[in-house]
Amino acid sequence: MRPRCESLERLKERGKTVLALWVGLALPLAAHPRPAEPPTLTFFVASDSHFGAKGMDEQNRALVEQMNELPGTEYPPEIGGSVATPRGVLFLGDTTDNGLLEEFAQFEQVYGLTGRDGLLKYPIFEAIGNHDVNSESPIKEEARRRHGGINYAWDWDDVRILCLDMYPDSRTRAFLARELDRRGPERPVILYFHYSLEGPYSDFWEQDDKDAFARTIEGYNVLAIFHGHEHRVGHYIWRGHPVFRPGAPRHSSHRFLAVRLGPRDLAVAAWDFDNRKWVESWVVPVRRAPPGPRKRSSR
């Protein structure tokens, strides 16, 4: 006896059932794609322009001109890739030599504010240094006019950037603690200010303040700390946190930093603007969560 053949209609129905089952199994996978990685973020770091001191206008103009030209330059081989256009410049204090408004006017002429109002092509975010402070401290008022305060913060994508005045004293630590508490322990943050945390130039602020600062940031996702003051480029680890410092237009360490923050590491390279070359570089691991529906910063 010949086997019964299924009708064409029944075969079509069976095919629809198999297709429906396949789609049903596949849909949950499509609904939960692998999270995208956080975007790569580039910024520059400089410090101690000391406008008002001899020769500083020329040195700062040389630094800024090379900052403007650096995008597209190949990084050192241990970092790889090329320098992207930076989101901005973190400036770590001592914009002036004597805390005078006419000196700060020279800083604004060269560095500007927005990337469109000075020689520098990128936005700049300056901290206060000890040379910016005198009996009247007009430079602090300039910082408030430009940034809304001497302690201020903003977002670059998922990263919170915090400017912490000259150093984290009790008032600045209160600002920092509020910022960290609002954003939780997983949010990546970058901190910067003027004074050193350790070494021969770190005694400009008290050990009690340093210990209190360490307690304030304990348990939070601090990717890096940047400071100036020493006029010499370098890197060290402080209480488990990577710390970096640029050189300065003043004295002999004529270097600024190019920083590339990726999903898993932070690469920092020091550019010698006397000799137009890289002189040092470092790469440290970081922890960044996949991007969520966070509101994008306007800065």
Protein backbone atom coordinates (compact mmCIF):
# COMPACT_ATOMS: atom_id res chain seq x y z
CA MET A 1 0.00 0.00 0.00
CA ARG A 2 1.36 3.40 -0.88
CA PRO A 3 1.93 5.80 2.05
CA ARG A 4 -0.59 8.57 2.47
CA CYS A 5 0.62 11.93 1.26
CA GLU A 6 -0.26 14.97 3.34
CA SER A 7 -2.20 17.61 1.55
CA LEU A 8 -0.44 20.76 0.43
CA GLU A 9 -2.61 22.80 2.81
CA ARG A 10 -1.55 20.70 5.81
CA LEU A 11 2.13 21.05 4.92
CA LYS A 12 1.71 24.82 4.74
CA GLU A 13 0.06 24.86 8.17
CA ARG A 14 2.88 22.78 9.68
CA GLY A 15 5.45 25.16 8.18
CA LYS A 16 3.69 28.13 9.75
CA THR A 17 3.75 26.40 13.15
CA VAL A 18 7.49 25.68 12.93
CA LEU A 19 8.17 29.25 11.83
CA ALA A 20 6.12 30.64 14.71
CA LEU A 21 8.01 28.49 17.20
CA TRP A 22 11.36 29.61 15.78
CA VAL A 23 10.38 33.28 15.93
CA GLY A 24 9.07 32.86 19.48
CA LEU A 25 12.39 31.39 20.60
CA ALA A 26 14.41 34.05 18.82
CA LEU A 27 12.49 37.10 20.03
CA PRO A 28 13.81 37.14 23.62
CA LEU A 29 17.36 37.16 22.27
CA ALA A 30 16.58 40.08 19.98
CA ALA A 31 14.87 41.97 22.79
CA HIS A 32 18.00 41.85 24.97
CA PRO A 33 20.98 42.79 22.78
CA ARG A 34 24.44 42.92 24.27
CA PRO A 35 24.93 46.34 25.94
CA ALA A 36 26.99 48.84 23.99
CA GLU A 37 30.33 49.87 25.45
CA PRO A 38 30.76 53.40 26.86
CA PRO A 39 32.10 55.87 24.30
CA THR A 40 35.78 56.75 24.26
CA LEU A 41 36.45 60.16 25.77
CA THR A 42 39.48 62.39 25.05
CA PHE A 43 40.56 65.48 26.94
CA PHE A 44 43.75 67.45 27.62
CA VAL A 45 45.24 68.55 30.96
CA ALA A 46 47.52 71.53 31.64
CA SER A 47 48.48 73.67 34.61
CA ASP A 48 50.40 76.65 36.01
CA SER A 49 50.33 79.22 33.21
CA HIS A 50 51.56 81.96 35.62
CA PHE A 51 50.57 84.90 33.45
CA GLY A 52 52.40 87.95 34.79
CA ALA A 53 55.73 86.19 35.14
CA LYS A 54 58.46 86.83 32.58
CA GLY A 55 58.09 84.97 29.30
CA MET A 56 54.78 83.31 30.14
CA ASP A 57 52.76 84.80 27.31
CA GLU A 58 55.12 83.25 24.75
CA GLN A 59 55.33 79.87 26.51
CA ASN A 60 51.57 79.56 26.92
CA ARG A 61 50.94 80.50 23.31
CA ALA A 62 53.38 77.76 22.24
CA LEU A 63 51.54 75.23 24.46
CA VAL A 64 48.11 76.20 23.12
CA GLU A 65 49.20 76.20 19.49
CA GLN A 66 50.43 72.62 19.88
CA MET A 67 47.26 71.57 21.73
CA ASN A 68 45.30 72.87 18.75
CA GLU A 69 47.47 70.86 16.33
CA LEU A 70 47.69 67.61 18.34
CA PRO A 71 44.49 65.80 17.16
CA GLY A 72 45.44 63.25 14.53
CA THR A 73 48.92 62.69 16.01
CA GLU A 74 49.80 59.04 16.64
CA TYR A 75 49.99 58.10 20.34
CA PRO A 76 53.08 56.26 21.65
CA PRO A 77 53.08 52.58 20.59
CA GLU A 78 52.18 51.36 24.10
CA ILE A 79 48.88 53.29 23.77
CA GLY A 80 48.22 52.97 20.04
CA GLY A 81 45.83 54.84 17.79
CA SER A 82 45.79 58.59 17.27
CA VAL A 83 44.67 61.58 19.31
CA ALA A 84 41.00 62.45 18.86
CA THR A 85 39.59 65.95 19.16
CA PRO A 86 39.32 66.61 22.91
CA ARG A 87 36.08 67.47 24.66
CA GLY A 88 37.93 70.15 26.61
CA VAL A 89 40.93 71.06 28.74
CA LEU A 90 41.20 70.63 32.51
CA PHE A 91 43.45 73.40 33.85
CA LEU A 92 44.81 72.77 37.33
CA GLY A 93 45.34 76.25 38.74
CA ASP A 94 47.86 79.10 38.97
CA THR A 95 46.46 80.82 35.92
CA THR A 96 48.19 83.98 37.20
CA ASP A 97 51.43 84.76 39.02
CA ASN A 98 50.12 87.42 41.42
CA GLY A 99 46.34 87.02 41.43
CA LEU A 100 45.76 90.20 39.41
CA LEU A 101 42.85 90.82 37.06
CA GLU A 102 45.13 92.11 34.31
CA GLU A 103 47.04 88.81 34.48
CA PHE A 104 43.82 86.82 34.26
CA ALA A 105 42.82 88.90 31.23
CA GLN A 106 45.97 87.56 29.53
CA PHE A 107 44.93 84.02 30.46
CA GLU A 108 41.50 84.60 28.91
CA GLN A 109 43.02 86.04 25.75
CA VAL A 110 45.11 82.89 25.19
CA TYR A 111 42.92 80.12 26.68
CA GLY A 112 39.46 81.67 26.34
CA LEU A 113 36.51 79.77 27.81
CA THR A 114 34.35 78.14 25.15
CA GLY A 115 36.89 77.22 22.46
CA ARG A 116 35.69 80.11 20.31
CA ASP A 117 36.86 83.18 22.24
CA GLY A 118 40.62 82.69 22.63
CA LEU A 119 43.59 81.08 20.92
CA LEU A 120 42.62 77.67 22.33
CA LYS A 121 40.13 75.75 20.15
CA TYR A 122 38.55 73.76 23.01
CA PRO A 123 36.50 74.60 26.13
CA ILE A 124 38.60 75.06 29.26
CA PHE A 125 37.74 74.38 32.91
CA GLU A 126 40.22 75.96 35.33
CA ALA A 127 40.77 75.41 39.04
CA ILE A 128 42.16 77.94 41.51
CA GLY A 129 45.86 77.84 42.47
CA ASN A 130 47.72 79.43 45.34
CA HIS A 131 49.18 82.09 43.01
CA ASP A 132 45.63 83.06 42.03
CA VAL A 133 44.87 84.12 45.60
CA ASN A 134 45.88 87.43 47.18
CA SER A 135 44.35 89.66 49.86
CA GLU A 136 41.39 90.43 47.57
CA SER A 137 41.22 87.15 45.57
CA PRO A 138 39.57 88.58 42.44
CA ILE A 139 40.44 85.44 40.45
CA LYS A 140 37.96 83.42 42.53
CA GLU A 141 35.25 85.82 41.41
CA GLU A 142 36.33 85.32 37.81
CA ALA A 143 35.99 81.55 38.25
CA ARG A 144 32.49 82.02 39.67
CA ARG A 145 31.58 84.24 36.71
CA ARG A 146 32.90 81.71 34.20
CA HIS A 147 31.82 78.42 35.80
CA GLY A 148 29.29 79.23 38.50
CA GLY A 149 31.64 78.50 41.40
CA ILE A 150 35.13 77.47 42.44
CA ASN A 151 33.76 73.98 43.07
CA TYR A 152 31.80 72.83 40.03
CA ALA A 153 30.99 69.68 38.08
CA TRP A 154 29.63 68.48 34.77
CA ASP A 155 29.11 65.30 32.71
CA TRP A 156 31.07 64.07 29.75
CA ASP A 157 28.90 61.13 28.68
CA ASP A 158 28.78 58.70 31.65
CA VAL A 159 31.73 60.36 33.46
CA ARG A 160 31.25 63.03 36.12
CA ILE A 161 34.09 65.60 36.19
CA LEU A 162 34.59 67.56 39.42
CA CYS A 163 36.74 70.66 39.92
CA LEU A 164 37.69 70.85 43.61
CA ASP A 165 39.06 74.39 44.10
CA MET A 166 42.70 74.65 45.22
CA TYR A 167 42.39 71.46 47.30
CA PRO A 168 39.60 69.54 49.05
CA ASP A 169 39.16 71.53 52.27
CA SER A 170 36.10 71.00 54.47
CA ARG A 171 33.77 73.12 52.31
CA THR A 172 34.95 71.47 49.11
CA ARG A 173 34.65 68.01 50.67
CA ALA A 174 31.03 68.76 51.55
CA PHE A 175 30.38 69.63 47.90
CA LEU A 176 32.20 66.46 46.80
CA ALA A 177 30.29 64.25 49.25
CA ARG A 178 26.94 65.56 47.96
CA GLU A 179 27.97 64.93 44.36
CA LEU A 180 29.14 61.38 45.07
CA ASP A 181 26.10 60.51 47.17
CA ARG A 182 23.71 61.65 44.42
CA ARG A 183 25.40 59.51 41.79
CA GLY A 184 26.26 56.37 43.74
CA PRO A 185 29.34 54.17 44.00
CA GLU A 186 29.34 52.86 40.41
CA ARG A 187 29.31 56.19 38.59
CA PRO A 188 32.79 56.92 37.14
CA VAL A 189 34.24 60.23 38.33
CA ILE A 190 37.40 62.23 37.60
CA LEU A 191 38.67 64.75 40.15
CA TYR A 192 41.09 67.64 39.77
CA PHE A 193 42.52 70.48 41.84
CA HIS A 194 45.83 72.32 42.32
CA TYR A 195 47.82 71.03 45.32
CA SER A 196 49.86 67.83 45.42
CA LEU A 197 48.73 64.80 47.41
CA GLU A 198 52.18 63.50 48.30
CA GLY A 199 55.84 64.29 47.75
CA PRO A 200 58.07 67.30 48.47
CA TYR A 201 55.45 69.90 47.47
CA SER A 202 52.46 68.36 49.25
CA ASP A 203 52.79 70.21 52.57
CA PHE A 204 50.73 73.19 51.38
CA TRP A 205 47.68 71.53 52.99
CA GLU A 206 47.24 69.55 56.18
CA GLN A 207 47.47 65.79 56.58
CA ASP A 208 44.10 65.81 58.36
CA ASP A 209 42.51 67.29 55.22
CA LYS A 210 44.15 64.63 53.05
CA ASP A 211 42.90 61.86 55.33
CA ALA A 212 39.38 63.32 55.31
CA PHE A 213 39.51 63.56 51.50
CA ALA A 214 40.50 59.87 51.29
CA ARG A 215 37.54 58.94 53.49
CA THR A 216 35.16 61.01 51.36
CA ILE A 217 36.06 59.18 48.13
CA GLU A 218 36.44 55.72 49.67
CA GLY A 219 34.14 53.20 47.98
CA TYR A 220 33.44 55.39 44.94
CA ASN A 221 34.53 54.81 41.36
CA VAL A 222 37.29 57.44 41.12
CA LEU A 223 38.99 56.77 37.78
CA ALA A 224 41.79 59.32 38.24
CA ILE A 225 42.91 62.42 40.11
CA PHE A 226 44.81 65.25 38.39
CA HIS A 227 46.75 68.01 40.15
CA GLY A 228 49.26 70.73 39.26
CA HIS A 229 51.47 72.90 41.49
CA GLU A 230 54.77 71.06 41.03
CA HIS A 231 55.64 72.22 37.50
CA ARG A 232 56.83 68.69 36.65
CA VAL A 233 55.11 65.85 34.85
CA GLY A 234 54.49 62.58 36.69
CA HIS A 235 52.25 59.76 37.87
CA TYR A 236 51.79 57.94 41.19
CA ILE A 237 49.24 55.95 43.16
CA TRP A 238 47.67 57.58 46.22
CA ARG A 239 45.51 55.48 48.56
CA GLY A 240 44.79 53.16 45.62
CA HIS A 241 43.85 55.95 43.17
CA PRO A 242 45.91 56.81 40.07
CA VAL A 243 47.19 60.39 40.17
CA PHE A 244 48.64 62.35 37.25
CA ARG A 245 50.22 65.77 36.96
CA PRO A 246 51.24 67.75 33.84
CA GLY A 247 54.26 69.96 33.60
CA ALA A 248 53.92 73.72 33.20
CA PRO A 249 54.88 76.57 30.90
CA ARG A 250 56.96 77.92 33.79
CA HIS A 251 60.36 76.35 34.55
CA SER A 252 61.64 73.40 32.52
CA SER A 253 58.97 70.65 32.44
CA HIS A 254 57.18 71.96 29.35
CA ARG A 255 54.58 69.21 29.03
CA PHE A 256 50.81 68.85 28.93
CA LEU A 257 48.74 65.65 29.03
CA ALA A 258 46.54 63.99 26.43
CA VAL A 259 44.05 61.62 28.09
CA ARG A 260 42.03 58.89 26.38
CA LEU A 261 39.40 57.16 28.49
CA GLY A 262 38.13 53.93 26.95
CA PRO A 263 35.68 51.29 28.21
CA ARG A 264 38.37 49.42 30.17
CA ASP A 265 41.45 51.63 30.52
CA LEU A 266 42.68 55.18 30.92
CA ALA A 267 45.68 56.14 28.79
CA VAL A 268 47.69 59.27 29.62
CA ALA A 269 50.53 60.60 27.46
CA ALA A 270 52.77 63.62 28.16
CA TRP A 271 53.54 65.88 25.19
CA ASP A 272 56.77 67.94 25.23
CA PHE A 273 55.86 71.23 23.58
CA ASP A 274 59.50 72.32 23.36
CA ASN A 275 60.52 69.35 21.22
CA ARG A 276 57.12 68.35 19.77
CA LYS A 277 57.21 64.73 20.95
CA TRP A 278 55.82 62.30 23.53
CA VAL A 279 58.07 61.84 26.55
CA GLU A 280 56.11 59.60 28.97
CA SER A 281 52.91 57.57 28.98
CA TRP A 282 50.86 55.41 31.32
CA VAL A 283 47.86 53.09 31.01
CA VAL A 284 45.71 52.13 34.02
CA PRO A 285 42.59 49.91 34.18
CA VAL A 286 39.18 51.49 34.85
CA ARG A 287 35.62 50.34 35.46
CA ARG A 288 32.81 51.88 33.39
CA ALA A 289 29.24 50.60 33.13
CA PRO A 290 27.46 50.33 29.77
CA PRO A 291 25.72 53.60 28.84
CA GLY A 292 22.16 54.09 30.01
CA PRO A 293 19.52 56.72 29.22
CA ARG A 294 21.57 59.44 30.97
CA LYS A 295 21.02 62.98 29.74
CA ARG A 296 23.93 64.13 27.58
CA SER A 297 25.96 67.05 28.86
CA SER A 298 25.85 70.33 26.94
CA ARG A 299 29.50 71.04 27.77
